[in-house]
Amino acid sequence: MIASTNDAYAPTLRGAVKTALDADVGSVLEIVIDGLTADAVANAMRAGIAAIVKLGPKRGAVRIGAGNYGGKLGPHHFHLKDLL
């Protein structure tokens, strides 16, 4: 996806909208995970987090977040700290 659906996390909109990004963040990736079961989604999220951590802070991510958008994407909530 080229553009974020959440303007507070769009680096190119800094200065035009209130940003939720730190000054050192140059890009934001929005990754959508679909699965047949909650366990499948949780396992996919664990694998993604592990891959980012393995890269380290210089090559990986500055921050990882997850959102449910008020339940609009489904009834499940995956808290990142609980996946670790």
PDB file of N, CA and C in Angstrom:
ATOM      1  N   MET A   1       0.846  -1.159   0.000  1.00  0.00           N
ATOM      2  CA  MET A   1       0.000   0.000   0.000  1.00  0.00           C
ATOM      3  C   MET A   1       0.904   1.238   0.000  1.00  0.00           C
ATOM      4  N   ILE A   2       0.696   2.140  -0.884  1.00  0.00           N
ATOM      5  CA  ILE A   2       1.539   3.324  -0.998  1.00  0.00           C
ATOM      6  C   ILE A   2       1.208   4.365   0.068  1.00  0.00           C
ATOM      7  N   ALA A   3      -0.043   4.561   0.376  1.00  0.00           N
ATOM      8  CA  ALA A   3      -0.432   5.604   1.323  1.00  0.00           C
ATOM      9  C   ALA A   3      -1.089   4.988   2.555  1.00  0.00           C
ATOM     10  N   SER A   4      -0.838   5.593   3.695  1.00  0.00           N
ATOM     11  CA  SER A   4      -1.472   5.140   4.922  1.00  0.00           C
ATOM     12  C   SER A   4      -2.937   5.561   4.929  1.00  0.00           C
ATOM     13  N   THR A   5      -3.753   4.764   5.559  1.00  0.00           N
ATOM     14  CA  THR A   5      -5.158   5.129   5.718  1.00  0.00           C
ATOM     15  C   THR A   5      -5.363   5.939   6.990  1.00  0.00           C
ATOM     16  N   ASN A   6      -4.293   6.170   7.725  1.00  0.00           N
ATOM     17  CA  ASN A   6      -4.360   6.922   8.967  1.00  0.00           C
ATOM     18  C   ASN A   6      -3.407   8.108   8.843  1.00  0.00           C
ATOM     19  N   ASP A   7      -3.941   9.306   8.633  1.00  0.00           N
ATOM     20  CA  ASP A   7      -3.094  10.467   8.332  1.00  0.00           C
ATOM     21  C   ASP A   7      -2.098  10.801   9.439  1.00  0.00           C
ATOM     22  N   ALA A   8      -2.374  10.438  10.676  1.00  0.00           N
ATOM     23  CA  ALA A   8      -1.429  10.706  11.767  1.00  0.00           C
ATOM     24  C   ALA A   8      -0.163   9.868  11.625  1.00  0.00           C
ATOM     25  N   TYR A   9      -0.218   8.809  10.823  1.00  0.00           N
ATOM     26  CA  TYR A   9       0.941   7.933  10.608  1.00  0.00           C
ATOM     27  C   TYR A   9       1.495   8.040   9.189  1.00  0.00           C
ATOM     28  N   ALA A  10       1.156   9.090   8.482  1.00  0.00           N
ATOM     29  CA  ALA A  10       1.658   9.310   7.127  1.00  0.00           C
ATOM     30  C   ALA A  10       2.794  10.333   7.168  1.00  0.00           C
ATOM     31  N   PRO A  11       4.038   9.886   7.008  1.00  0.00           N
ATOM     32  CA  PRO A  11       5.173  10.808   7.100  1.00  0.00           C
ATOM     33  C   PRO A  11       5.108  11.977   6.126  1.00  0.00           C
ATOM     34  N   THR A  12       4.508  11.778   4.973  1.00  0.00           N
ATOM     35  CA  THR A  12       4.448  12.851   3.975  1.00  0.00           C
ATOM     36  C   THR A  12       3.460  13.951   4.347  1.00  0.00           C
ATOM     37  N   LEU A  13       2.625  13.715   5.355  1.00  0.00           N
ATOM     38  CA  LEU A  13       1.654  14.723   5.777  1.00  0.00           C
ATOM     39  C   LEU A  13       2.123  15.530   6.985  1.00  0.00           C
ATOM     40  N   ARG A  14       3.359  15.290   7.438  1.00  0.00           N
ATOM     41  CA  ARG A  14       3.881  16.073   8.562  1.00  0.00           C
ATOM     42  C   ARG A  14       3.768  17.560   8.238  1.00  0.00           C
ATOM     43  N   GLY A  15       3.318  18.299   9.186  1.00  0.00           N
ATOM     44  CA  GLY A  15       3.150  19.731   8.980  1.00  0.00           C
ATOM     45  C   GLY A  15       1.756  20.099   8.517  1.00  0.00           C
ATOM     46  N   ALA A  16       1.071  19.162   7.871  1.00  0.00           N
ATOM     47  CA  ALA A  16      -0.287  19.418   7.396  1.00  0.00           C
ATOM     48  C   ALA A  16      -1.337  18.889   8.376  1.00  0.00           C
ATOM     49  N   VAL A  17      -0.975  17.839   9.122  1.00  0.00           N
ATOM     50  CA  VAL A  17      -1.877  17.244  10.111  1.00  0.00           C
ATOM     51  C   VAL A  17      -1.088  16.962  11.379  1.00  0.00           C
ATOM     52  N   LYS A  18      -1.810  16.715  12.466  1.00  0.00           N
ATOM     53  CA  LYS A  18      -1.143  16.341  13.708  1.00  0.00           C
ATOM     54  C   LYS A  18      -0.578  14.938  13.529  1.00  0.00           C
ATOM     55  N   THR A  19       0.726  14.782  13.747  1.00  0.00           N
ATOM     56  CA  THR A  19       1.377  13.500  13.524  1.00  0.00           C
ATOM     57  C   THR A  19       1.535  12.712  14.819  1.00  0.00           C
ATOM     58  N   ALA A  20       1.532  11.404  14.703  1.00  0.00           N
ATOM     59  CA  ALA A  20       1.785  10.514  15.825  1.00  0.00           C
ATOM     60  C   ALA A  20       3.174   9.894  15.707  1.00  0.00           C
ATOM     61  N   LEU A  21       3.966  10.406  14.766  1.00  0.00           N
ATOM     62  CA  LEU A  21       5.279   9.838  14.490  1.00  0.00           C
ATOM     63  C   LEU A  21       6.398  10.615  15.171  1.00  0.00           C
ATOM     64  N   ASP A  22       7.416   9.882  15.587  1.00  0.00           N
ATOM     65  CA  ASP A  22       8.619  10.520  16.102  1.00  0.00           C
ATOM     66  C   ASP A  22       9.401  11.124  14.940  1.00  0.00           C
ATOM     67  N   ALA A  23      10.283  12.043  15.240  1.00  0.00           N
ATOM     68  CA  ALA A  23      11.042  12.744  14.197  1.00  0.00           C
ATOM     69  C   ALA A  23      11.923  11.795  13.377  1.00  0.00           C
ATOM     70  N   ASP A  24      12.377  10.683  13.981  1.00  0.00           N
ATOM     71  CA  ASP A  24      13.279   9.778  13.276  1.00  0.00           C
ATOM     72  C   ASP A  24      12.567   8.735  12.410  1.00  0.00           C
ATOM     73  N   VAL A  25      11.251   8.799  12.325  1.00  0.00           N
ATOM     74  CA  VAL A  25      10.490   7.847  11.518  1.00  0.00           C
ATOM     75  C   VAL A  25      10.309   8.418  10.116  1.00  0.00           C
ATOM     76  N   GLY A  26      10.819   7.692   9.123  1.00  0.00           N
ATOM     77  CA  GLY A  26      10.756   8.164   7.747  1.00  0.00           C
ATOM     78  C   GLY A  26       9.722   7.451   6.902  1.00  0.00           C
ATOM     79  N   SER A  27       9.261   6.303   7.374  1.00  0.00           N
ATOM     80  CA  SER A  27       8.239   5.577   6.632  1.00  0.00           C
ATOM     81  C   SER A  27       7.439   4.706   7.595  1.00  0.00           C
ATOM     82  N   VAL A  28       6.252   4.356   7.164  1.00  0.00           N
ATOM     83  CA  VAL A  28       5.368   3.507   7.962  1.00  0.00           C
ATOM     84  C   VAL A  28       4.802   2.437   7.039  1.00  0.00           C
ATOM     85  N   LEU A  29       4.905   1.187   7.476  1.00  0.00           N
ATOM     86  CA  LEU A  29       4.330   0.091   6.716  1.00  0.00           C
ATOM     87  C   LEU A  29       3.064  -0.371   7.416  1.00  0.00           C
ATOM     88  N   GLU A  30       2.012  -0.482   6.679  1.00  0.00           N
ATOM     89  CA  GLU A  30       0.759  -0.995   7.214  1.00  0.00           C
ATOM     90  C   GLU A  30       0.576  -2.392   6.640  1.00  0.00           C
ATOM     91  N   ILE A  31       0.645  -3.372   7.503  1.00  0.00           N
ATOM     92  CA  ILE A  31       0.556  -4.767   7.075  1.00  0.00           C
ATOM     93  C   ILE A  31      -0.761  -5.341   7.578  1.00  0.00           C
ATOM     94  N   VAL A  32      -1.567  -5.831   6.660  1.00  0.00           N
ATOM     95  CA  VAL A  32      -2.856  -6.421   7.010  1.00  0.00           C
ATOM     96  C   VAL A  32      -2.691  -7.931   7.013  1.00  0.00           C
ATOM     97  N   ILE A  33      -3.097  -8.562   8.113  1.00  0.00           N
ATOM     98  CA  ILE A  33      -3.004 -10.014   8.234  1.00  0.00           C
ATOM     99  C   ILE A  33      -4.418 -10.573   8.325  1.00  0.00           C
ATOM    100  N   ASP A  34      -4.761 -11.434   7.390  1.00  0.00           N
ATOM    101  CA  ASP A  34      -6.043 -12.132   7.405  1.00  0.00           C
ATOM    102  C   ASP A  34      -5.771 -13.602   7.708  1.00  0.00           C
ATOM    103  N   GLY A  35      -6.652 -14.235   8.432  1.00  0.00           N
ATOM    104  CA  GLY A  35      -6.475 -15.648   8.732  1.00  0.00           C
ATOM    105  C   GLY A  35      -7.809 -16.325   8.969  1.00  0.00           C
ATOM    106  N   LEU A  36      -7.802 -17.641   8.855  1.00  0.00           N
ATOM    107  CA  LEU A  36      -9.030 -18.403   9.067  1.00  0.00           C
ATOM    108  C   LEU A  36      -9.371 -18.554  10.542  1.00  0.00           C
ATOM    109  N   THR A  37      -8.340 -18.475  11.401  1.00  0.00           N
ATOM    110  CA  THR A  37      -8.570 -18.619  12.836  1.00  0.00           C
ATOM    111  C   THR A  37      -7.776 -17.541  13.578  1.00  0.00           C
ATOM    112  N   ALA A  38      -8.177 -17.289  14.813  1.00  0.00           N
ATOM    113  CA  ALA A  38      -7.441 -16.336  15.649  1.00  0.00           C
ATOM    114  C   ALA A  38      -6.017 -16.837  15.888  1.00  0.00           C
ATOM    115  N   ASP A  39      -5.848 -18.140  16.061  1.00  0.00           N
ATOM    116  CA  ASP A  39      -4.499 -18.698  16.264  1.00  0.00           C
ATOM    117  C   ASP A  39      -3.615 -18.467  15.043  1.00  0.00           C
ATOM    118  N   ALA A  40      -4.171 -18.591  13.859  1.00  0.00           N
ATOM    119  CA  ALA A  40      -3.387 -18.373  12.637  1.00  0.00           C
ATOM    120  C   ALA A  40      -2.919 -16.919  12.551  1.00  0.00           C
ATOM    121  N   VAL A  41      -3.785 -15.992  12.898  1.00  0.00           N
ATOM    122  CA  VAL A  41      -3.413 -14.580  12.877  1.00  0.00           C
ATOM    123  C   VAL A  41      -2.368 -14.294  13.945  1.00  0.00           C
ATOM    124  N   ALA A  42      -2.556 -14.818  15.146  1.00  0.00           N
ATOM    125  CA  ALA A  42      -1.588 -14.618  16.231  1.00  0.00           C
ATOM    126  C   ALA A  42      -0.221 -15.177  15.849  1.00  0.00           C
ATOM    127  N   ASN A  43      -0.188 -16.353  15.244  1.00  0.00           N
ATOM    128  CA  ASN A  43       1.089 -16.944  14.823  1.00  0.00           C
ATOM    129  C   ASN A  43       1.759 -16.122  13.734  1.00  0.00           C
ATOM    130  N   ALA A  44       0.980 -15.581  12.823  1.00  0.00           N
ATOM    131  CA  ALA A  44       1.543 -14.730  11.772  1.00  0.00           C
ATOM    132  C   ALA A  44       2.122 -13.448  12.376  1.00  0.00           C
ATOM    133  N   MET A  45       1.429 -12.895  13.344  1.00  0.00           N
ATOM    134  CA  MET A  45       1.931 -11.684  14.007  1.00  0.00           C
ATOM    135  C   MET A  45       3.223 -11.991  14.770  1.00  0.00           C
ATOM    136  N   ARG A  46       3.270 -13.128  15.465  1.00  0.00           N
ATOM    137  CA  ARG A  46       4.499 -13.528  16.168  1.00  0.00           C
ATOM    138  C   ARG A  46       5.667 -13.663  15.198  1.00  0.00           C
ATOM    139  N   ALA A  47       5.435 -14.283  14.063  1.00  0.00           N
ATOM    140  CA  ALA A  47       6.488 -14.470  13.064  1.00  0.00           C
ATOM    141  C   ALA A  47       6.969 -13.120  12.529  1.00  0.00           C
ATOM    142  N   GLY A  48       6.053 -12.208  12.292  1.00  0.00           N
ATOM    143  CA  GLY A  48       6.440 -10.877  11.810  1.00  0.00           C
ATOM    144  C   GLY A  48       7.250 -10.112  12.835  1.00  0.00           C
ATOM    145  N   ILE A  49       6.831 -10.168  14.088  1.00  0.00           N
ATOM    146  CA  ILE A  49       7.576  -9.488  15.155  1.00  0.00           C
ATOM    147  C   ILE A  49       8.970 -10.087  15.283  1.00  0.00           C
ATOM    148  N   ALA A  50       9.069 -11.413  15.251  1.00  0.00           N
ATOM    149  CA  ALA A  50      10.371 -12.078  15.363  1.00  0.00           C
ATOM    150  C   ALA A  50      11.303 -11.668  14.227  1.00  0.00           C
ATOM    151  N   ALA A  51      10.770 -11.555  13.019  1.00  0.00           N
ATOM    152  CA  ALA A  51      11.589 -11.155  11.874  1.00  0.00           C
ATOM    153  C   ALA A  51      12.108  -9.725  12.028  1.00  0.00           C
ATOM    154  N   ILE A  52      11.271  -8.842  12.541  1.00  0.00           N
ATOM    155  CA  ILE A  52      11.682  -7.450  12.742  1.00  0.00           C
ATOM    156  C   ILE A  52      12.756  -7.363  13.819  1.00  0.00           C
ATOM    157  N   VAL A  53      12.547  -8.074  14.921  1.00  0.00           N
ATOM    158  CA  VAL A  53      13.518  -8.061  16.024  1.00  0.00           C
ATOM    159  C   VAL A  53      14.858  -8.632  15.566  1.00  0.00           C
ATOM    160  N   LYS A  54      14.828  -9.656  14.752  1.00  0.00           N
ATOM    161  CA  LYS A  54      16.058 -10.285  14.250  1.00  0.00           C
ATOM    162  C   LYS A  54      16.897  -9.302  13.432  1.00  0.00           C
ATOM    163  N   LEU A  55      16.245  -8.390  12.715  1.00  0.00           N
ATOM    164  CA  LEU A  55      16.966  -7.394  11.918  1.00  0.00           C
ATOM    165  C   LEU A  55      17.720  -6.396  12.796  1.00  0.00           C
ATOM    166  N   GLY A  56      17.227  -6.164  13.980  1.00  0.00           N
ATOM    167  CA  GLY A  56      17.862  -5.201  14.875  1.00  0.00           C
ATOM    168  C   GLY A  56      17.382  -3.789  14.600  1.00  0.00           C
ATOM    169  N   PRO A  57      17.649  -2.864  15.529  1.00  0.00           N
ATOM    170  CA  PRO A  57      17.117  -1.503  15.417  1.00  0.00           C
ATOM    171  C   PRO A  57      17.694  -0.694  14.253  1.00  0.00           C
ATOM    172  N   LYS A  58      18.875  -1.016  13.786  1.00  0.00           N
ATOM    173  CA  LYS A  58      19.456  -0.255  12.665  1.00  0.00           C
ATOM    174  C   LYS A  58      18.832  -0.631  11.330  1.00  0.00           C
ATOM    175  N   ARG A  59      18.387  -1.878  11.186  1.00  0.00           N
ATOM    176  CA  ARG A  59      17.809  -2.331   9.924  1.00  0.00           C
ATOM    177  C   ARG A  59      16.322  -2.662  10.042  1.00  0.00           C
ATOM    178  N   GLY A  60      15.826  -2.732  11.268  1.00  0.00           N
ATOM    179  CA  GLY A  60      14.436  -3.116  11.481  1.00  0.00           C
ATOM    180  C   GLY A  60      13.549  -1.925  11.749  1.00  0.00           C
ATOM    181  N   ALA A  61      12.662  -2.087  12.667  1.00  0.00           N
ATOM    182  CA  ALA A  61      11.675  -1.058  12.956  1.00  0.00           C
ATOM    183  C   ALA A  61      12.037  -0.263  14.202  1.00  0.00           C
ATOM    184  N   VAL A  62      11.611   0.973  14.224  1.00  0.00           N
ATOM    185  CA  VAL A  62      11.758   1.824  15.397  1.00  0.00           C
ATOM    186  C   VAL A  62      10.654   1.489  16.392  1.00  0.00           C
ATOM    187  N   ARG A  63       9.477   1.155  15.872  1.00  0.00           N
ATOM    188  CA  ARG A  63       8.308   0.903  16.721  1.00  0.00           C
ATOM    189  C   ARG A  63       7.350  -0.017  15.975  1.00  0.00           C
ATOM    190  N   ILE A  64       6.646  -0.847  16.731  1.00  0.00           N
ATOM    191  CA  ILE A  64       5.629  -1.731  16.167  1.00  0.00           C
ATOM    192  C   ILE A  64       4.322  -1.443  16.894  1.00  0.00           C
ATOM    193  N   GLY A  65       3.256  -1.315  16.147  1.00  0.00           N
ATOM    194  CA  GLY A  65       1.951  -1.095  16.750  1.00  0.00           C
ATOM    195  C   GLY A  65       0.901  -1.945  16.055  1.00  0.00           C
ATOM    196  N   ALA A  66      -0.245  -2.073  16.680  1.00  0.00           N
ATOM    197  CA  ALA A  66      -1.338  -2.830  16.081  1.00  0.00           C
ATOM    198  C   ALA A  66      -2.649  -2.143  16.446  1.00  0.00           C
ATOM    199  N   GLY A  67      -3.580  -2.167  15.528  1.00  0.00           N
ATOM    200  CA  GLY A  67      -4.867  -1.545  15.792  1.00  0.00           C
ATOM    201  C   GLY A  67      -6.004  -2.416  15.318  1.00  0.00           C
ATOM    202  N   ASN A  68      -7.147  -2.270  15.949  1.00  0.00           N
ATOM    203  CA  ASN A  68      -8.348  -3.009  15.565  1.00  0.00           C
ATOM    204  C   ASN A  68      -9.383  -2.069  14.965  1.00  0.00           C
ATOM    205  N   TYR A  69      -9.094  -0.779  14.984  1.00  0.00           N
ATOM    206  CA  TYR A  69      -9.964   0.234  14.380  1.00  0.00           C
ATOM    207  C   TYR A  69     -11.390   0.163  14.923  1.00  0.00           C
ATOM    208  N   GLY A  70     -11.484   0.064  16.249  1.00  0.00           N
ATOM    209  CA  GLY A  70     -12.785   0.067  16.893  1.00  0.00           C
ATOM    210  C   GLY A  70     -13.632  -1.156  16.604  1.00  0.00           C
ATOM    211  N   GLY A  71     -12.994  -2.245  16.227  1.00  0.00           N
ATOM    212  CA  GLY A  71     -13.732  -3.475  15.940  1.00  0.00           C
ATOM    213  C   GLY A  71     -14.246  -3.571  14.518  1.00  0.00           C
ATOM    214  N   LYS A  72     -13.947  -2.583  13.684  1.00  0.00           N
ATOM    215  CA  LYS A  72     -14.432  -2.591  12.305  1.00  0.00           C
ATOM    216  C   LYS A  72     -13.816  -3.712  11.473  1.00  0.00           C
ATOM    217  N   LEU A  73     -12.653  -4.224  11.915  1.00  0.00           N
ATOM    218  CA  LEU A  73     -11.975  -5.279  11.162  1.00  0.00           C
ATOM    219  C   LEU A  73     -12.264  -6.663  11.715  1.00  0.00           C
ATOM    220  N   GLY A  74     -13.083  -6.737  12.725  1.00  0.00           N
ATOM    221  CA  GLY A  74     -13.417  -8.035  13.300  1.00  0.00           C
ATOM    222  C   GLY A  74     -13.424  -7.983  14.812  1.00  0.00           C
ATOM    223  N   PRO A  75     -13.888  -9.037  15.428  1.00  0.00           N
ATOM    224  CA  PRO A  75     -14.082  -9.044  16.878  1.00  0.00           C
ATOM    225  C   PRO A  75     -12.821  -9.328  17.695  1.00  0.00           C
ATOM    226  N   HIS A  76     -11.761  -9.721  17.066  1.00  0.00           N
ATOM    227  CA  HIS A  76     -10.566 -10.150  17.805  1.00  0.00           C
ATOM    228  C   HIS A  76      -9.621  -8.989  18.069  1.00  0.00           C
ATOM    229  N   HIS A  77      -9.012  -9.007  19.236  1.00  0.00           N
ATOM    230  CA  HIS A  77      -7.992  -8.025  19.607  1.00  0.00           C
ATOM    231  C   HIS A  77      -6.725  -8.787  19.944  1.00  0.00           C
ATOM    232  N   PHE A  78      -5.623  -8.428  19.307  1.00  0.00           N
ATOM    233  CA  PHE A  78      -4.343  -9.072  19.548  1.00  0.00           C
ATOM    234  C   PHE A  78      -3.414  -8.048  20.182  1.00  0.00           C
ATOM    235  N   HIS A  79      -3.162  -8.213  21.454  1.00  0.00           N
ATOM    236  CA  HIS A  79      -2.272  -7.304  22.171  1.00  0.00           C
ATOM    237  C   HIS A  79      -0.845  -7.802  21.970  1.00  0.00           C
ATOM    238  N   LEU A  80       0.020  -6.945  21.434  1.00  0.00           N
ATOM    239  CA  LEU A  80       1.365  -7.358  21.057  1.00  0.00           C
ATOM    240  C   LEU A  80       2.133  -7.946  22.225  1.00  0.00           C
ATOM    241  N   LYS A  81       2.029  -7.352  23.414  1.00  0.00           N
ATOM    242  CA  LYS A  81       2.780  -7.859  24.568  1.00  0.00           C
ATOM    243  C   LYS A  81       2.344  -9.274  24.929  1.00  0.00           C
ATOM    244  N   ASP A  82       1.096  -9.615  24.651  1.00  0.00           N
ATOM    245  CA  ASP A  82       0.608 -10.958  24.955  1.00  0.00           C
ATOM    246  C   ASP A  82       1.083 -11.994  23.932  1.00  0.00           C
ATOM    247  N   LEU A  83       1.487 -11.550  22.770  1.00  0.00           N
ATOM    248  CA  LEU A  83       1.960 -12.477  21.726  1.00  0.00           C
ATOM    249  C   LEU A  83       3.394 -12.920  21.962  1.00  0.00           C
ATOM    250  N   LEU A  84       4.122 -12.166  22.781  1.00  0.00           N
ATOM    251  CA  LEU A  84       5.536 -12.478  22.969  1.00  0.00           C
ATOM    252  C   LEU A  84       5.791 -13.572  23.951  1.00  0.00           C
TER     253      LEU A  84
END
